[in-house]
Amino acid sequence: MTTSTIGLFVGLLLAIAAAAGGFTGFLFAVILAVVGFAVGRYIDGELDVSMFQSRDAFSRGRRHDR
């Protein structure tokens, strides 16, 4: 399936969401589409989430007193 075909289906689904749920339904559909896109890219190995992980021990809840 080509990227343009996927874009066509996404556009049709967003149009249905806008018609059925109004503006709020449209925004909810867009948010879910972005989350699904991010999850798909992560599963395909095209999204690097290491920049969201902190290397600071304090932020992980393990504080080392010196």
N, C-alpha and C. Protein backbone atom coordinates (compact mmCIF):
# COMPACT_ATOMS: atom_id res chain seq x y z
N MET A 1 0.85 -1.16 0.00
CA MET A 1 0.00 0.00 0.00
C MET A 1 0.91 1.24 0.00
N THR A 2 0.66 2.14 -0.90
CA THR A 2 1.50 3.32 -1.02
C THR A 2 1.13 4.36 0.03
N THR A 3 2.03 5.30 0.22
CA THR A 3 1.81 6.36 1.19
C THR A 3 0.61 7.22 0.82
N SER A 4 0.42 7.48 -0.46
CA SER A 4 -0.72 8.29 -0.88
C SER A 4 -2.03 7.56 -0.63
N THR A 5 -2.06 6.25 -0.76
CA THR A 5 -3.26 5.47 -0.47
C THR A 5 -3.58 5.52 1.01
N ILE A 6 -2.57 5.38 1.83
CA ILE A 6 -2.77 5.47 3.28
C ILE A 6 -3.26 6.86 3.65
N GLY A 7 -2.69 7.89 3.03
CA GLY A 7 -3.14 9.26 3.28
C GLY A 7 -4.58 9.47 2.88
N LEU A 8 -4.99 8.84 1.78
CA LEU A 8 -6.38 8.93 1.35
C LEU A 8 -7.31 8.30 2.38
N PHE A 9 -6.97 7.12 2.89
CA PHE A 9 -7.79 6.47 3.89
C PHE A 9 -7.84 7.27 5.19
N VAL A 10 -6.73 7.81 5.60
CA VAL A 10 -6.70 8.63 6.82
C VAL A 10 -7.59 9.86 6.64
N GLY A 11 -7.50 10.50 5.49
CA GLY A 11 -8.34 11.66 5.22
C GLY A 11 -9.82 11.31 5.24
N LEU A 12 -10.18 10.16 4.66
CA LEU A 12 -11.58 9.73 4.68
C LEU A 12 -12.05 9.43 6.10
N LEU A 13 -11.22 8.77 6.88
CA LEU A 13 -11.61 8.48 8.26
C LEU A 13 -11.76 9.74 9.09
N LEU A 14 -10.87 10.73 8.87
CA LEU A 14 -11.00 11.99 9.59
C LEU A 14 -12.25 12.75 9.16
N ALA A 15 -12.60 12.66 7.90
CA ALA A 15 -13.82 13.30 7.42
C ALA A 15 -15.06 12.65 8.05
N ILE A 16 -15.05 11.33 8.18
CA ILE A 16 -16.16 10.64 8.83
C ILE A 16 -16.24 11.04 10.30
N ALA A 17 -15.08 11.14 10.97
CA ALA A 17 -15.06 11.55 12.37
C ALA A 17 -15.59 12.97 12.53
N ALA A 18 -15.25 13.85 11.61
CA ALA A 18 -15.73 15.23 11.68
C ALA A 18 -17.24 15.28 11.45
N ALA A 19 -17.74 14.48 10.54
CA ALA A 19 -19.17 14.47 10.25
C ALA A 19 -19.97 13.86 11.40
N ALA A 20 -19.43 12.82 12.01
CA ALA A 20 -20.15 12.12 13.07
C ALA A 20 -20.01 12.80 14.43
N GLY A 21 -18.84 13.31 14.74
CA GLY A 21 -18.60 13.84 16.08
C GLY A 21 -18.37 15.32 16.14
N GLY A 22 -18.49 16.02 15.04
CA GLY A 22 -18.24 17.45 15.07
C GLY A 22 -16.77 17.75 15.23
N PHE A 23 -16.50 18.95 15.69
CA PHE A 23 -15.11 19.38 15.82
C PHE A 23 -14.37 18.59 16.90
N THR A 24 -15.05 18.28 18.00
CA THR A 24 -14.41 17.51 19.08
C THR A 24 -14.05 16.10 18.60
N GLY A 25 -14.94 15.48 17.87
CA GLY A 25 -14.65 14.15 17.32
C GLY A 25 -13.50 14.19 16.34
N PHE A 26 -13.44 15.27 15.56
CA PHE A 26 -12.34 15.44 14.61
C PHE A 26 -11.01 15.57 15.34
N LEU A 27 -10.97 16.40 16.40
CA LEU A 27 -9.72 16.56 17.16
C LEU A 27 -9.31 15.26 17.83
N PHE A 28 -10.28 14.53 18.37
CA PHE A 28 -9.98 13.23 19.00
C PHE A 28 -9.41 12.26 17.97
N ALA A 29 -9.97 12.25 16.77
CA ALA A 29 -9.47 11.37 15.70
C ALA A 29 -8.06 11.75 15.28
N VAL A 30 -7.78 13.05 15.22
CA VAL A 30 -6.43 13.50 14.85
C VAL A 30 -5.43 13.09 15.92
N ILE A 31 -5.78 13.24 17.19
CA ILE A 31 -4.87 12.85 18.28
C ILE A 31 -4.60 11.35 18.23
N LEU A 32 -5.64 10.55 18.04
CA LEU A 32 -5.45 9.10 17.94
C LEU A 32 -4.62 8.72 16.72
N ALA A 33 -4.80 9.46 15.62
CA ALA A 33 -4.01 9.19 14.41
C ALA A 33 -2.53 9.46 14.67
N VAL A 34 -2.23 10.54 15.36
CA VAL A 34 -0.83 10.87 15.66
C VAL A 34 -0.22 9.82 16.59
N VAL A 35 -0.97 9.39 17.60
CA VAL A 35 -0.47 8.35 18.51
C VAL A 35 -0.24 7.04 17.74
N GLY A 36 -1.19 6.68 16.90
CA GLY A 36 -1.02 5.45 16.11
C GLY A 36 0.16 5.53 15.17
N PHE A 37 0.37 6.71 14.57
CA PHE A 37 1.52 6.90 13.69
C PHE A 37 2.83 6.74 14.46
N ALA A 38 2.89 7.32 15.66
CA ALA A 38 4.10 7.22 16.47
C ALA A 38 4.36 5.79 16.91
N VAL A 39 3.32 5.08 17.29
CA VAL A 39 3.48 3.67 17.69
C VAL A 39 3.94 2.83 16.51
N GLY A 40 3.36 3.06 15.35
CA GLY A 40 3.77 2.33 14.15
C GLY A 40 5.22 2.59 13.79
N ARG A 41 5.65 3.84 13.88
CA ARG A 41 7.05 4.15 13.58
C ARG A 41 7.98 3.51 14.61
N TYR A 42 7.55 3.46 15.88
CA TYR A 42 8.36 2.83 16.92
C TYR A 42 8.49 1.33 16.66
N ILE A 43 7.39 0.69 16.30
CA ILE A 43 7.41 -0.75 16.03
C ILE A 43 8.28 -1.05 14.82
N ASP A 44 8.23 -0.19 13.80
CA ASP A 44 9.06 -0.38 12.61
C ASP A 44 10.52 -0.05 12.86
N GLY A 45 10.83 0.55 14.00
CA GLY A 45 12.20 0.91 14.33
C GLY A 45 12.65 2.22 13.73
N GLU A 46 11.69 3.05 13.31
CA GLU A 46 12.02 4.33 12.68
C GLU A 46 11.92 5.50 13.66
N LEU A 47 11.51 5.24 14.89
CA LEU A 47 11.37 6.29 15.89
C LEU A 47 12.28 5.99 17.05
N ASP A 48 13.17 6.90 17.36
CA ASP A 48 14.11 6.73 18.46
C ASP A 48 13.55 7.44 19.69
N VAL A 49 13.19 6.67 20.70
CA VAL A 49 12.61 7.25 21.91
C VAL A 49 13.66 7.50 23.00
N SER A 50 14.91 7.27 22.69
CA SER A 50 15.95 7.46 23.71
C SER A 50 16.09 8.91 24.12
N MET A 51 15.67 9.85 23.26
CA MET A 51 15.77 11.26 23.64
C MET A 51 14.73 11.62 24.69
N PHE A 52 13.70 10.78 24.88
CA PHE A 52 12.70 11.04 25.90
C PHE A 52 13.05 10.38 27.23
N GLN A 53 14.07 9.54 27.24
CA GLN A 53 14.48 8.86 28.45
C GLN A 53 15.56 9.67 29.14
N SER A 54 15.36 9.90 30.43
CA SER A 54 16.33 10.68 31.19
C SER A 54 17.41 9.75 31.75
N ARG A 55 18.61 10.20 31.74
CA ARG A 55 19.71 9.42 32.30
C ARG A 55 19.99 9.83 33.74
N ASP A 56 19.24 10.78 34.24
CA ASP A 56 19.42 11.27 35.60
C ASP A 56 18.77 10.29 36.58
N ALA A 57 19.52 9.82 37.56
CA ALA A 57 19.00 8.86 38.53
C ALA A 57 17.91 9.47 39.39
N PHE A 58 17.97 10.76 39.64
CA PHE A 58 16.98 11.41 40.47
C PHE A 58 15.61 11.38 39.82
N SER A 59 15.55 11.53 38.51
CA SER A 59 14.27 11.56 37.83
C SER A 59 13.63 10.18 37.75
N ARG A 60 14.41 9.12 37.94
CA ARG A 60 13.87 7.76 37.94
C ARG A 60 13.42 7.34 39.33
N GLY A 61 13.58 8.21 40.32
CA GLY A 61 13.14 7.87 41.66
C GLY A 61 14.21 7.23 42.50
N ARG A 62 15.40 7.05 41.97
CA ARG A 62 16.50 6.48 42.75
C ARG A 62 17.50 7.58 43.05
N ARG A 63 17.44 8.10 44.26
CA ARG A 63 18.34 9.17 44.64
C ARG A 63 19.48 8.58 45.45
N HIS A 64 20.68 8.91 45.06
CA HIS A 64 21.87 8.43 45.77
C HIS A 64 22.42 9.57 46.59
N ASP A 65 22.41 9.40 47.92
CA ASP A 65 22.97 10.42 48.79
C ASP A 65 24.48 10.25 48.83
N ARG A 66 25.15 11.34 48.72
CA ARG A 66 26.63 11.28 48.74
C ARG A 66 27.18 11.69 50.06
